[in-house]
C-alpha atoms as a PDB file:
ATOM      1  CA  MET A   1    -124.631 -68.397 180.090  1.00  0.00           C
ATOM      2  CA  ALA A   2    -122.787 -71.377 181.517  1.00  0.00           C
ATOM      3  CA  SER A   3    -122.209 -72.894 178.053  1.00  0.00           C
ATOM      4  CA  ALA A   4    -120.551 -69.661 176.835  1.00  0.00           C
ATOM      5  CA  HIS A   5    -118.201 -69.787 179.820  1.00  0.00           C
ATOM      6  CA  ARG A   6    -117.305 -73.415 179.049  1.00  0.00           C
ATOM      7  CA  SER A   7    -116.619 -72.681 175.392  1.00  0.00           C
ATOM      8  CA  GLY A   8    -114.300 -69.826 176.456  1.00  0.00           C
ATOM      9  CA  ARG A   9    -112.365 -72.228 178.649  1.00  0.00           C
ATOM     10  CA  ALA A  10    -112.149 -74.742 175.817  1.00  0.00           C
ATOM     11  CA  LEU A  11    -110.776 -72.074 173.484  1.00  0.00           C
ATOM     12  CA  LEU A  12    -108.252 -71.022 176.113  1.00  0.00           C
ATOM     13  CA  LEU A  13    -107.088 -74.618 176.576  1.00  0.00           C
ATOM     14  CA  LEU A  14    -106.910 -75.100 172.809  1.00  0.00           C
ATOM     15  CA  GLY A  15    -104.824 -71.927 172.449  1.00  0.00           C
ATOM     16  CA  CYS A  16    -102.436 -73.034 175.195  1.00  0.00           C
ATOM     17  CA  ALA A  17    -102.059 -76.467 173.600  1.00  0.00           C
ATOM     18  CA  CYS A  18    -101.268 -74.879 170.227  1.00  0.00           C
ATOM     19  CA  PHE A  19     -98.738 -72.583 171.851  1.00  0.00           C
ATOM     20  CA  LEU A  20     -97.002 -75.491 173.576  1.00  0.00           C
ATOM     21  CA  LEU A  21     -96.945 -77.561 170.390  1.00  0.00           C
ATOM     22  CA  LEU A  22     -95.785 -74.751 168.092  1.00  0.00           C
ATOM     23  CA  GLY A  23     -93.397 -73.089 170.546  1.00  0.00           C
ATOM     24  CA  PRO A  24     -90.322 -75.111 169.529  1.00  0.00           C
ATOM     25  CA  SER A  25     -90.874 -74.337 165.842  1.00  0.00           C
ATOM     26  CA  PHE A  26     -89.905 -70.659 166.156  1.00  0.00           C
ATOM     27  CA  VAL A  27     -86.417 -69.540 165.119  1.00  0.00           C
ATOM     28  CA  PRO A  28     -84.081 -68.583 167.985  1.00  0.00           C
ATOM     29  CA  PRO A  29     -82.777 -64.995 168.124  1.00  0.00           C
ATOM     30  CA  ALA A  30     -79.643 -64.098 166.183  1.00  0.00           C
ATOM     31  CA  GLU A  31     -76.281 -64.005 167.872  1.00  0.00           C
ATOM     32  CA  ALA A  32     -74.194 -60.867 168.162  1.00  0.00           C
ATOM     33  CA  PRO A  33     -72.232 -60.144 164.955  1.00  0.00           C
ATOM     34  CA  LYS A  34     -68.505 -60.712 164.995  1.00  0.00           C
ATOM     35  CA  ALA A  35     -66.032 -57.906 164.357  1.00  0.00           C
ATOM     36  CA  ALA A  36     -65.436 -57.473 160.610  1.00  0.00           C
ATOM     37  CA  GLN A  37     -61.950 -57.669 159.157  1.00  0.00           C
ATOM     38  CA  PHE A  38     -60.839 -55.331 156.351  1.00  0.00           C
ATOM     39  CA  ASP A  39     -60.898 -57.019 152.953  1.00  0.00           C
ATOM     40  CA  ALA A  40     -59.031 -55.151 150.203  1.00  0.00           C
ATOM     41  CA  GLY A  41     -60.694 -57.126 147.410  1.00  0.00           C
ATOM     42  CA  LEU A  42     -64.117 -56.246 148.728  1.00  0.00           C
ATOM     43  CA  ALA A  43     -63.169 -52.573 148.959  1.00  0.00           C
ATOM     44  CA  ALA A  44     -61.918 -52.592 145.349  1.00  0.00           C
ATOM     45  CA  THR A  45     -65.117 -54.250 144.173  1.00  0.00           C
ATOM     46  CA  ALA A  46     -67.181 -51.617 145.957  1.00  0.00           C
ATOM     47  CA  ALA A  47     -65.186 -48.823 144.275  1.00  0.00           C
ATOM     48  CA  LEU A  48     -65.725 -50.119 140.715  1.00  0.00           C
ATOM     49  CA  PRO A  49     -69.130 -48.454 140.147  1.00  0.00           C
ATOM     50  CA  ALA A  50     -67.598 -45.077 141.032  1.00  0.00           C
ATOM     51  CA  LEU A  51     -64.950 -45.596 138.341  1.00  0.00           C
ATOM     52  CA  THR A  52     -67.647 -45.782 135.658  1.00  0.00           C
ATOM     53  CA  LEU A  53     -68.456 -42.113 136.275  1.00  0.00           C
ATOM     54  CA  MET A  54     -65.144 -41.194 134.656  1.00  0.00           C
ATOM     55  CA  ALA A  55     -65.998 -42.980 131.391  1.00  0.00           C
ATOM     56  CA  GLY A  56     -67.467 -41.009 128.513  1.00  0.00           C
ATOM     57  CA  ASP A  57     -70.990 -41.473 127.222  1.00  0.00           C
ATOM     58  CA  ALA A  58     -71.469 -44.173 124.612  1.00  0.00           C
ATOM     59  CA  ASN A  59     -73.122 -42.896 121.446  1.00  0.00           C
ATOM     60  CA  ALA A  60     -74.436 -44.761 118.443  1.00  0.00           C
ATOM     61  CA  ALA A  61     -72.372 -44.642 115.266  1.00  0.00           C
ATOM     62  CA  TYR A  62     -75.307 -43.533 113.126  1.00  0.00           C
ATOM     63  CA  GLY A  63     -76.706 -40.005 113.388  1.00  0.00           C
ATOM     64  CA  ASP A  64     -80.406 -40.863 113.314  1.00  0.00           C
ATOM     65  CA  ALA A  65     -80.225 -43.807 115.739  1.00  0.00           C
ATOM     66  CA  ARG A  66     -81.395 -41.606 118.627  1.00  0.00           C
ATOM     67  CA  ALA A  67     -84.494 -40.564 116.702  1.00  0.00           C
ATOM     68  CA  TRP A  68     -85.432 -44.190 116.088  1.00  0.00           C
ATOM     69  CA  HIS A  69     -84.810 -45.119 119.716  1.00  0.00           C
ATOM     70  CA  SER A  70     -87.006 -42.304 120.987  1.00  0.00           C
ATOM     71  CA  THR A  71     -89.826 -43.532 118.741  1.00  0.00           C
ATOM     72  CA  LEU A  72     -89.513 -47.301 119.047  1.00  0.00           C
ATOM     73  CA  LEU A  73     -89.086 -47.495 122.817  1.00  0.00           C
ATOM     74  CA  PRO A  74     -92.469 -45.972 123.726  1.00  0.00           C
ATOM     75  CA  LEU A  75     -94.103 -47.758 120.807  1.00  0.00           C
ATOM     76  CA  THR A  76     -92.932 -51.203 121.895  1.00  0.00           C
ATOM     77  CA  THR A  77     -93.345 -50.710 125.648  1.00  0.00           C
ATOM     78  CA  LEU A  78     -96.582 -48.702 125.838  1.00  0.00           C
ATOM     79  CA  VAL A  79     -98.601 -48.656 122.623  1.00  0.00           C
ATOM     80  CA  VAL A  80     -98.322 -52.238 121.373  1.00  0.00           C
ATOM     81  CA  PRO A  81     -99.020 -53.896 124.775  1.00  0.00           C
ATOM     82  CA  GLY A  82    -101.852 -51.435 125.433  1.00  0.00           C
ATOM     83  CA  VAL A  83    -103.543 -52.272 122.130  1.00  0.00           C
ATOM     84  CA  GLY A  84    -102.977 -55.989 122.698  1.00  0.00           C
ATOM     85  CA  PHE A  85    -104.426 -55.945 126.218  1.00  0.00           C
ATOM     86  CA  GLY A  86    -107.353 -53.827 125.049  1.00  0.00           C
ATOM     87  CA  LEU A  87    -108.167 -56.286 122.270  1.00  0.00           C
ATOM     88  CA  PHE A  88    -107.886 -59.156 124.741  1.00  0.00           C
ATOM     89  CA  VAL A  89    -110.358 -57.479 127.117  1.00  0.00           C
ATOM     90  CA  LEU A  90    -112.794 -56.899 124.260  1.00  0.00           C
ATOM     91  CA  TYR A  91    -112.419 -60.548 123.222  1.00  0.00           C
ATOM     92  CA  ILE A  92    -113.057 -61.811 126.767  1.00  0.00           C
ATOM     93  CA  PHE A  93    -116.246 -59.774 127.155  1.00  0.00           C
ATOM     94  CA  ASP A  94    -117.579 -60.749 123.739  1.00  0.00           C
ATOM     95  CA  GLU A  95    -120.639 -62.997 123.914  1.00  0.00           C
ATOM     96  CA  ASN A  96    -119.340 -65.310 121.182  1.00  0.00           C
ATOM     97  CA  ALA A  97    -116.033 -65.921 122.940  1.00  0.00           C
ATOM     98  CA  TRP A  98    -117.520 -68.424 125.368  1.00  0.00           C
END
């Protein structure tokens, strides 16, 4: 029982020593922010994305381009990687691969 009490004291002293050594390494709290000044350039830059809402939609010059896009996008982003990853998993678990 006495040895458990001593080890508790040793851990407490070790924790205090770590706290005293690592205490200066913490970042001090932030200072209060200063009052912001109005910047016209910043306000104009912030308004630019809202101006794009007034532009018309961009369409492809060819009539069947949308049909190709609706087919190729899922094919290249879902089907081809899925087949490739599936083949890779089958290769990894093959007994002759190692």
